């Protein structure tokens, strides 16, 4: 495994850990400023909309696992294909489970850190 591949795997692990802890600031730091997310049934959205939606979830607990199925680095760009299983549990409620694949493009920025630049989330209930 190359240094870049290890760094990208660490981005995914940090994202998942921060999501479990409700640490939105850490998650936002793993994104480029011009990040674009694509999910079924919605127009693509950026970092600000992601943050607003996350804050709107209140005390909902997020848990999940990510399995990187494919990872390729091409200079300062890389892509990963993940298999994700996650659950969102609102306070006093039952978990909502979703699973499926994501295709994520990452960019190595000027500070040498890899960040999510584009993400197509295909998770289904």
Protein backbone atom coordinates (compact mmCIF):
# COMPACT_ATOMS: atom_id res chain seq x y z
CA UNK A 1 0.00 0.00 0.00
CA UNK A 2 1.37 3.42 -0.94
CA UNK A 3 1.50 6.41 1.41
CA UNK A 4 -1.31 8.08 -0.56
CA UNK A 5 -3.51 4.98 -0.37
CA UNK A 6 -2.96 4.78 3.39
CA UNK A 7 -3.79 8.49 3.75
CA UNK A 8 -7.02 8.04 1.76
CA UNK A 9 -8.04 5.05 3.88
CA UNK A 10 -7.41 7.23 6.93
CA UNK A 11 -9.73 9.94 5.52
CA UNK A 12 -12.52 7.35 5.28
CA UNK A 13 -11.86 6.02 8.79
CA UNK A 14 -11.72 9.54 10.25
CA UNK A 15 -15.00 10.42 8.49
CA UNK A 16 -16.75 7.34 9.87
CA UNK A 17 -15.40 7.87 13.41
CA UNK A 18 -16.29 11.57 13.42
CA UNK A 19 -19.79 10.76 12.13
CA UNK A 20 -20.33 8.30 14.98
CA UNK A 21 -19.24 10.96 17.49
CA UNK A 22 -21.37 13.69 15.91
CA UNK A 23 -18.20 15.68 15.18
CA UNK A 24 -19.39 17.72 12.20
CA UNK A 25 -16.38 20.06 12.21
CA UNK A 26 -13.99 17.16 11.65
CA UNK A 27 -16.15 15.83 8.81
CA UNK A 28 -16.29 19.28 7.18
CA UNK A 29 -12.48 19.47 7.39
CA UNK A 30 -12.25 16.32 5.26
CA UNK A 31 -13.94 18.11 2.32
CA UNK A 32 -12.64 20.52 -0.28
CA UNK A 33 -14.30 23.93 -0.20
CA UNK A 34 -15.96 23.21 -3.57
CA UNK A 35 -17.12 19.67 -2.71
CA UNK A 36 -20.20 18.38 -4.55
CA UNK A 37 -22.47 15.64 -3.21
CA UNK A 38 -24.93 13.72 -5.35
CA UNK A 39 -27.72 11.63 -3.85
CA UNK A 40 -30.78 10.10 -5.51
CA UNK A 41 -33.76 12.42 -5.90
CA UNK A 42 -31.95 15.68 -5.06
CA UNK A 43 -30.00 18.32 -6.91
CA UNK A 44 -26.25 18.20 -6.25
CA UNK A 45 -25.25 20.20 -3.18
CA UNK A 46 -22.12 21.53 -1.52
CA UNK A 47 -20.44 21.87 1.83
CA UNK A 48 -22.80 24.49 3.27
CA UNK A 49 -25.91 22.43 2.47
CA UNK A 50 -24.22 19.31 3.87
CA UNK A 51 -23.49 21.14 7.12
CA UNK A 52 -27.03 22.52 7.37
CA UNK A 53 -28.58 19.08 6.78
CA UNK A 54 -26.26 17.53 9.37
CA UNK A 55 -27.12 20.19 11.95
CA UNK A 56 -30.80 19.65 11.15
CA UNK A 57 -30.52 16.03 12.24
CA UNK A 58 -30.21 17.18 15.86
CA UNK A 59 -29.40 14.37 18.28
CA UNK A 60 -29.75 11.59 15.69
CA UNK A 61 -26.97 9.02 16.20
CA UNK A 62 -25.10 7.80 13.14
CA UNK A 63 -23.33 4.46 13.02
CA UNK A 64 -21.91 2.54 10.13
CA UNK A 65 -19.13 0.65 8.46
CA UNK A 66 -17.31 1.31 5.23
CA UNK A 67 -15.50 -1.23 3.10
CA UNK A 68 -13.30 0.22 0.37
CA UNK A 69 -13.81 -2.08 -2.59
CA UNK A 70 -11.63 -0.16 -5.04
CA UNK A 71 -9.05 2.61 -4.60
CA UNK A 72 -7.01 4.17 -7.38
CA UNK A 73 -4.65 7.14 -7.20
CA UNK A 74 -3.85 9.24 -10.27
CA UNK A 75 -1.47 12.04 -9.32
CA UNK A 76 -3.30 14.54 -7.08
CA UNK A 77 -6.66 12.87 -7.72
CA UNK A 78 -8.00 9.54 -6.53
CA UNK A 79 -11.25 7.65 -6.51
CA UNK A 80 -12.69 5.11 -4.14
CA UNK A 81 -15.68 2.84 -4.46
CA UNK A 82 -17.09 2.02 -1.02
CA UNK A 83 -19.67 -0.41 0.25
CA UNK A 84 -21.35 1.32 3.19
CA UNK A 85 -23.85 0.09 5.75
CA UNK A 86 -25.21 2.69 8.12
CA UNK A 87 -27.96 3.38 10.60
CA UNK A 88 -29.41 6.70 11.75
CA UNK A 89 -31.20 6.48 15.09
CA UNK A 90 -33.26 9.48 16.21
CA UNK A 91 -33.66 10.05 19.96
CA UNK A 92 -36.17 7.52 21.28
CA UNK A 93 -36.72 6.13 17.79
CA UNK A 94 -35.91 3.08 15.75
CA UNK A 95 -32.81 2.98 13.53
CA UNK A 96 -33.21 3.76 9.84
CA UNK A 97 -30.80 1.50 7.96
CA UNK A 98 -29.32 2.15 4.56
CA UNK A 99 -26.68 0.35 2.56
CA UNK A 100 -25.07 0.48 -0.84
CA UNK A 101 -22.17 1.98 -2.70
CA UNK A 102 -20.58 5.37 -3.03
CA UNK A 103 -18.17 6.62 -5.65
CA UNK A 104 -15.92 9.30 -4.22
CA UNK A 105 -13.31 11.50 -5.87
CA UNK A 106 -10.61 12.84 -3.60
CA UNK A 107 -8.11 15.61 -4.25
CA UNK A 108 -4.69 16.05 -2.67
CA UNK A 109 -4.62 19.73 -1.82
CA UNK A 110 -1.72 22.18 -1.48
CA UNK A 111 -1.27 21.27 2.21
CA UNK A 112 -0.64 17.64 1.19
CA UNK A 113 -3.92 16.37 2.69
CA UNK A 114 -6.43 14.29 0.78
CA UNK A 115 -10.01 15.61 0.91
CA UNK A 116 -13.34 14.55 -0.57
CA UNK A 117 -14.07 16.62 -3.69
CA UNK A 118 -17.03 14.78 -5.24
CA UNK A 119 -19.27 12.06 -3.83
CA UNK A 120 -22.05 10.05 -5.46
CA UNK A 121 -24.00 8.28 -2.73
CA UNK A 122 -26.14 5.37 -3.91
CA UNK A 123 -27.28 4.12 -0.50
CA UNK A 124 -30.82 2.77 -0.43
CA UNK A 125 -33.16 1.86 2.42
